[in-house]
């Protein structure tokens, strides 16, 4: 693989990672808005299927959002930043 192809691949990967990161945060925003607006409705539905208290339902949502956020940062943002730093270092060394 030539250096130009290598850089093109890294540029494409960084675009994919940042897009995934932004889509994940859009999902989190949707989840949060749904939780604020329809929290009671969601609780009623889930409490019929599972034996959950309101406190448990709130904790599951809170920890679920935190887990998704941490995964987005770890698996999408950090790789994106490392690729961008690598490309910047290669650009400076030219």
N, C-alpha and C. Protein backbone atom coordinates (compact mmCIF):
# COMPACT_ATOMS: atom_id res chain seq x y z
N UNK A 1 0.85 -1.16 0.00
CA UNK A 1 0.00 0.00 0.00
C UNK A 1 0.90 1.24 0.00
N UNK A 2 0.65 2.14 -0.91
CA UNK A 2 1.43 3.37 -1.01
C UNK A 2 1.01 4.35 0.09
N UNK A 3 1.86 5.32 0.32
CA UNK A 3 1.59 6.29 1.38
C UNK A 3 0.30 7.06 1.11
N UNK A 4 0.03 7.41 -0.14
CA UNK A 4 -1.20 8.12 -0.48
C UNK A 4 -2.44 7.27 -0.21
N UNK A 5 -2.36 5.99 -0.55
CA UNK A 5 -3.48 5.08 -0.28
C UNK A 5 -3.68 4.91 1.22
N UNK A 6 -2.57 4.83 1.93
CA UNK A 6 -2.61 4.69 3.38
C UNK A 6 -3.31 5.90 4.01
N UNK A 7 -2.93 7.09 3.56
CA UNK A 7 -3.55 8.31 4.09
C UNK A 7 -5.03 8.39 3.72
N UNK A 8 -5.38 7.97 2.50
CA UNK A 8 -6.79 7.96 2.10
C UNK A 8 -7.61 7.01 2.95
N UNK A 9 -7.03 5.85 3.25
CA UNK A 9 -7.70 4.88 4.11
C UNK A 9 -7.91 5.47 5.50
N UNK A 10 -6.89 6.10 6.05
CA UNK A 10 -7.01 6.70 7.37
C UNK A 10 -8.02 7.85 7.38
N UNK A 11 -8.05 8.63 6.32
CA UNK A 11 -9.05 9.71 6.21
C UNK A 11 -10.46 9.13 6.19
N UNK A 12 -10.65 8.05 5.44
CA UNK A 12 -11.96 7.40 5.37
C UNK A 12 -12.36 6.83 6.72
N UNK A 13 -11.42 6.17 7.38
CA UNK A 13 -11.71 5.61 8.70
C UNK A 13 -12.06 6.69 9.71
N UNK A 14 -11.32 7.80 9.66
CA UNK A 14 -11.63 8.88 10.61
C UNK A 14 -13.01 9.45 10.34
N UNK A 15 -13.41 9.56 9.09
CA UNK A 15 -14.76 10.04 8.76
C UNK A 15 -15.82 9.06 9.28
N UNK A 16 -15.55 7.78 9.15
CA UNK A 16 -16.49 6.77 9.65
C UNK A 16 -16.60 6.86 11.17
N UNK A 17 -15.46 6.99 11.86
CA UNK A 17 -15.49 7.05 13.32
C UNK A 17 -16.22 8.28 13.83
N UNK A 18 -15.97 9.43 13.21
CA UNK A 18 -16.65 10.64 13.70
C UNK A 18 -18.14 10.57 13.38
N UNK A 19 -18.52 9.98 12.27
CA UNK A 19 -19.94 9.82 11.94
C UNK A 19 -20.62 8.89 12.94
N UNK A 20 -19.97 7.78 13.26
CA UNK A 20 -20.53 6.86 14.26
C UNK A 20 -20.66 7.54 15.62
N UNK A 21 -19.66 8.33 15.99
CA UNK A 21 -19.70 9.05 17.26
C UNK A 21 -20.89 10.02 17.29
N UNK A 22 -21.08 10.78 16.23
CA UNK A 22 -22.17 11.73 16.18
C UNK A 22 -23.54 11.04 16.15
N UNK A 23 -23.63 9.93 15.43
CA UNK A 23 -24.89 9.18 15.41
C UNK A 23 -25.21 8.58 16.78
N UNK A 24 -24.18 8.14 17.49
CA UNK A 24 -24.40 7.61 18.82
C UNK A 24 -24.90 8.69 19.76
N UNK A 25 -24.34 9.89 19.64
CA UNK A 25 -24.83 10.96 20.50
C UNK A 25 -26.21 11.43 20.08
N UNK A 26 -26.56 11.32 18.80
CA UNK A 26 -27.94 11.60 18.38
C UNK A 26 -28.89 10.57 19.00
N UNK A 27 -28.48 9.31 19.03
CA UNK A 27 -29.27 8.27 19.68
C UNK A 27 -29.45 8.58 21.16
N UNK A 28 -28.36 8.99 21.82
CA UNK A 28 -28.46 9.34 23.24
C UNK A 28 -29.39 10.53 23.47
N UNK A 29 -29.33 11.51 22.59
CA UNK A 29 -30.23 12.66 22.71
C UNK A 29 -31.68 12.23 22.54
N UNK A 30 -31.94 11.36 21.56
CA UNK A 30 -33.28 10.83 21.34
C UNK A 30 -33.75 10.05 22.57
N UNK A 31 -32.87 9.21 23.11
CA UNK A 31 -33.18 8.41 24.30
C UNK A 31 -33.53 9.33 25.47
N UNK A 32 -32.71 10.37 25.68
CA UNK A 32 -32.93 11.29 26.79
C UNK A 32 -34.25 12.04 26.64
N UNK A 33 -34.54 12.52 25.44
CA UNK A 33 -35.80 13.24 25.21
C UNK A 33 -36.99 12.31 25.40
N UNK A 34 -36.87 11.08 24.87
CA UNK A 34 -37.95 10.12 25.06
C UNK A 34 -38.14 9.82 26.54
N UNK A 35 -37.04 9.71 27.28
CA UNK A 35 -37.13 9.45 28.71
C UNK A 35 -37.80 10.61 29.45
N UNK A 36 -37.48 11.84 29.07
CA UNK A 36 -38.10 13.00 29.72
C UNK A 36 -39.57 13.13 29.38
N UNK A 37 -39.90 12.96 28.10
CA UNK A 37 -41.28 13.17 27.66
C UNK A 37 -42.16 11.96 27.96
N UNK A 38 -41.65 10.78 27.66
CA UNK A 38 -42.48 9.58 27.80
C UNK A 38 -42.00 8.62 28.87
N UNK A 39 -41.36 9.13 29.89
CA UNK A 39 -40.80 8.27 30.93
C UNK A 39 -41.83 7.44 31.65
N UNK A 40 -42.94 8.06 31.98
CA UNK A 40 -43.99 7.33 32.70
C UNK A 40 -44.62 6.27 31.81
N UNK A 41 -44.86 6.62 30.56
CA UNK A 41 -45.42 5.66 29.61
C UNK A 41 -44.47 4.48 29.41
N UNK A 42 -43.17 4.77 29.25
CA UNK A 42 -42.19 3.71 29.10
C UNK A 42 -42.11 2.83 30.33
N UNK A 43 -42.22 3.45 31.49
CA UNK A 43 -42.19 2.66 32.73
C UNK A 43 -43.40 1.74 32.82
N UNK A 44 -44.56 2.24 32.46
CA UNK A 44 -45.77 1.42 32.53
C UNK A 44 -45.66 0.20 31.62
N UNK A 45 -45.14 0.41 30.43
CA UNK A 45 -44.99 -0.71 29.49
C UNK A 45 -43.99 -1.74 30.01
N UNK A 46 -42.83 -1.25 30.45
CA UNK A 46 -41.79 -2.18 30.89
C UNK A 46 -42.13 -2.86 32.22
N UNK A 47 -42.87 -2.18 33.07
CA UNK A 47 -43.23 -2.80 34.35
C UNK A 47 -44.27 -3.90 34.15
N UNK A 48 -45.00 -3.90 33.02
CA UNK A 48 -45.90 -5.00 32.72
C UNK A 48 -45.12 -6.24 32.31
N UNK A 49 -44.02 -6.04 31.59
CA UNK A 49 -43.21 -7.16 31.10
C UNK A 49 -42.25 -7.69 32.16
N UNK A 50 -41.70 -6.77 32.94
CA UNK A 50 -40.68 -7.12 33.93
C UNK A 50 -41.09 -6.57 35.29
N UNK A 51 -40.63 -7.20 36.32
CA UNK A 51 -40.93 -6.74 37.67
C UNK A 51 -39.93 -5.65 38.05
N UNK A 52 -40.28 -4.40 37.72
CA UNK A 52 -39.39 -3.26 37.95
C UNK A 52 -40.08 -2.22 38.81
N UNK A 53 -39.32 -1.67 39.74
CA UNK A 53 -39.82 -0.48 40.45
C UNK A 53 -39.46 0.74 39.61
N UNK A 54 -40.05 1.86 39.93
CA UNK A 54 -39.73 3.09 39.19
C UNK A 54 -38.26 3.45 39.37
N UNK A 55 -37.74 3.23 40.56
CA UNK A 55 -36.33 3.50 40.83
C UNK A 55 -35.43 2.63 39.96
N UNK A 56 -35.77 1.34 39.85
CA UNK A 56 -34.98 0.44 38.99
C UNK A 56 -35.03 0.87 37.53
N UNK A 57 -36.20 1.28 37.08
CA UNK A 57 -36.36 1.74 35.70
C UNK A 57 -35.51 2.98 35.44
N UNK A 58 -35.53 3.91 36.38
CA UNK A 58 -34.70 5.12 36.24
C UNK A 58 -33.22 4.78 36.22
N UNK A 59 -32.80 3.87 37.11
CA UNK A 59 -31.39 3.46 37.15
C UNK A 59 -30.96 2.77 35.86
N UNK A 60 -31.82 1.91 35.34
CA UNK A 60 -31.48 1.23 34.09
C UNK A 60 -31.30 2.23 32.94
N UNK A 61 -32.16 3.22 32.88
CA UNK A 61 -32.01 4.24 31.84
C UNK A 61 -30.75 5.05 32.05
N UNK A 62 -30.50 5.46 33.27
CA UNK A 62 -29.32 6.27 33.57
C UNK A 62 -28.04 5.50 33.26
N UNK A 63 -27.94 4.27 33.75
CA UNK A 63 -26.74 3.48 33.50
C UNK A 63 -26.63 3.07 32.04
N UNK A 64 -27.75 2.83 31.40
CA UNK A 64 -27.72 2.51 29.97
C UNK A 64 -27.18 3.66 29.15
N UNK A 65 -27.64 4.87 29.45
CA UNK A 65 -27.14 6.04 28.74
C UNK A 65 -25.66 6.27 29.02
N UNK A 66 -25.26 6.07 30.26
CA UNK A 66 -23.84 6.23 30.61
C UNK A 66 -22.98 5.20 29.90
N UNK A 67 -23.47 3.96 29.82
CA UNK A 67 -22.71 2.90 29.14
C UNK A 67 -22.56 3.19 27.66
N UNK A 68 -23.64 3.62 27.02
CA UNK A 68 -23.58 3.94 25.59
C UNK A 68 -22.64 5.12 25.35
N UNK A 69 -22.69 6.11 26.23
CA UNK A 69 -21.82 7.27 26.09
C UNK A 69 -20.35 6.87 26.23
N UNK A 70 -20.04 6.06 27.23
CA UNK A 70 -18.66 5.61 27.41
C UNK A 70 -18.18 4.76 26.24
N UNK A 71 -19.04 3.91 25.73
CA UNK A 71 -18.67 3.10 24.56
C UNK A 71 -18.43 3.98 23.34
N UNK A 72 -19.25 5.00 23.16
CA UNK A 72 -19.07 5.92 22.02
C UNK A 72 -17.73 6.63 22.13
N UNK A 73 -17.40 7.08 23.31
CA UNK A 73 -16.13 7.77 23.50
C UNK A 73 -14.96 6.82 23.29
N UNK A 74 -15.05 5.64 23.87
CA UNK A 74 -13.94 4.69 23.80
C UNK A 74 -13.75 4.09 22.41
N UNK A 75 -14.84 3.74 21.75
CA UNK A 75 -14.73 3.01 20.49
C UNK A 75 -14.81 3.89 19.24
N UNK A 76 -15.29 5.13 19.37
CA UNK A 76 -15.39 5.99 18.20
C UNK A 76 -14.56 7.27 18.32
N UNK A 77 -14.66 7.97 19.47
CA UNK A 77 -13.96 9.25 19.60
C UNK A 77 -12.45 9.04 19.74
N UNK A 78 -12.01 8.14 20.61
CA UNK A 78 -10.57 7.92 20.79
C UNK A 78 -9.89 7.44 19.51
N UNK A 79 -10.46 6.47 18.78
CA UNK A 79 -9.82 6.09 17.51
C UNK A 79 -9.79 7.25 16.51
N UNK A 80 -10.86 8.02 16.45
CA UNK A 80 -10.89 9.19 15.56
C UNK A 80 -9.78 10.16 15.91
N UNK A 81 -9.64 10.48 17.19
CA UNK A 81 -8.60 11.42 17.61
C UNK A 81 -7.21 10.88 17.34
N UNK A 82 -7.00 9.59 17.57
CA UNK A 82 -5.67 9.02 17.33
C UNK A 82 -5.33 9.03 15.84
N UNK A 83 -6.31 8.75 14.98
CA UNK A 83 -6.05 8.79 13.53
C UNK A 83 -5.76 10.22 13.10
N UNK A 84 -6.53 11.18 13.61
CA UNK A 84 -6.28 12.58 13.25
C UNK A 84 -4.90 13.04 13.71
N UNK A 85 -4.49 12.62 14.90
CA UNK A 85 -3.16 12.98 15.39
C UNK A 85 -2.07 12.34 14.53
N UNK A 86 -2.28 11.10 14.13
CA UNK A 86 -1.32 10.42 13.26
C UNK A 86 -1.22 11.12 11.91
N UNK A 87 -2.35 11.48 11.33
CA UNK A 87 -2.33 12.19 10.05
C UNK A 87 -1.68 13.57 10.18
N UNK A 88 -1.93 14.24 11.27
CA UNK A 88 -1.30 15.55 11.49
C UNK A 88 0.23 15.40 11.62
N UNK A 89 0.66 14.37 12.35
CA UNK A 89 2.10 14.14 12.52
C UNK A 89 2.75 13.80 11.18
N UNK A 90 2.08 12.99 10.36
CA UNK A 90 2.62 12.67 9.04
C UNK A 90 2.67 13.90 8.15
N UNK A 91 1.67 14.78 8.28
CA UNK A 91 1.64 16.01 7.48
C UNK A 91 2.78 16.94 7.90
N UNK A 92 3.06 17.02 9.18
CA UNK A 92 4.15 17.87 9.67
C UNK A 92 5.51 17.33 9.24
N UNK A 93 5.65 16.00 9.22
CA UNK A 93 6.93 15.38 8.89
C UNK A 93 7.24 15.42 7.39
N UNK A 94 6.28 15.79 6.55
CA UNK A 94 6.54 15.85 5.10
C UNK A 94 7.40 16.99 4.73
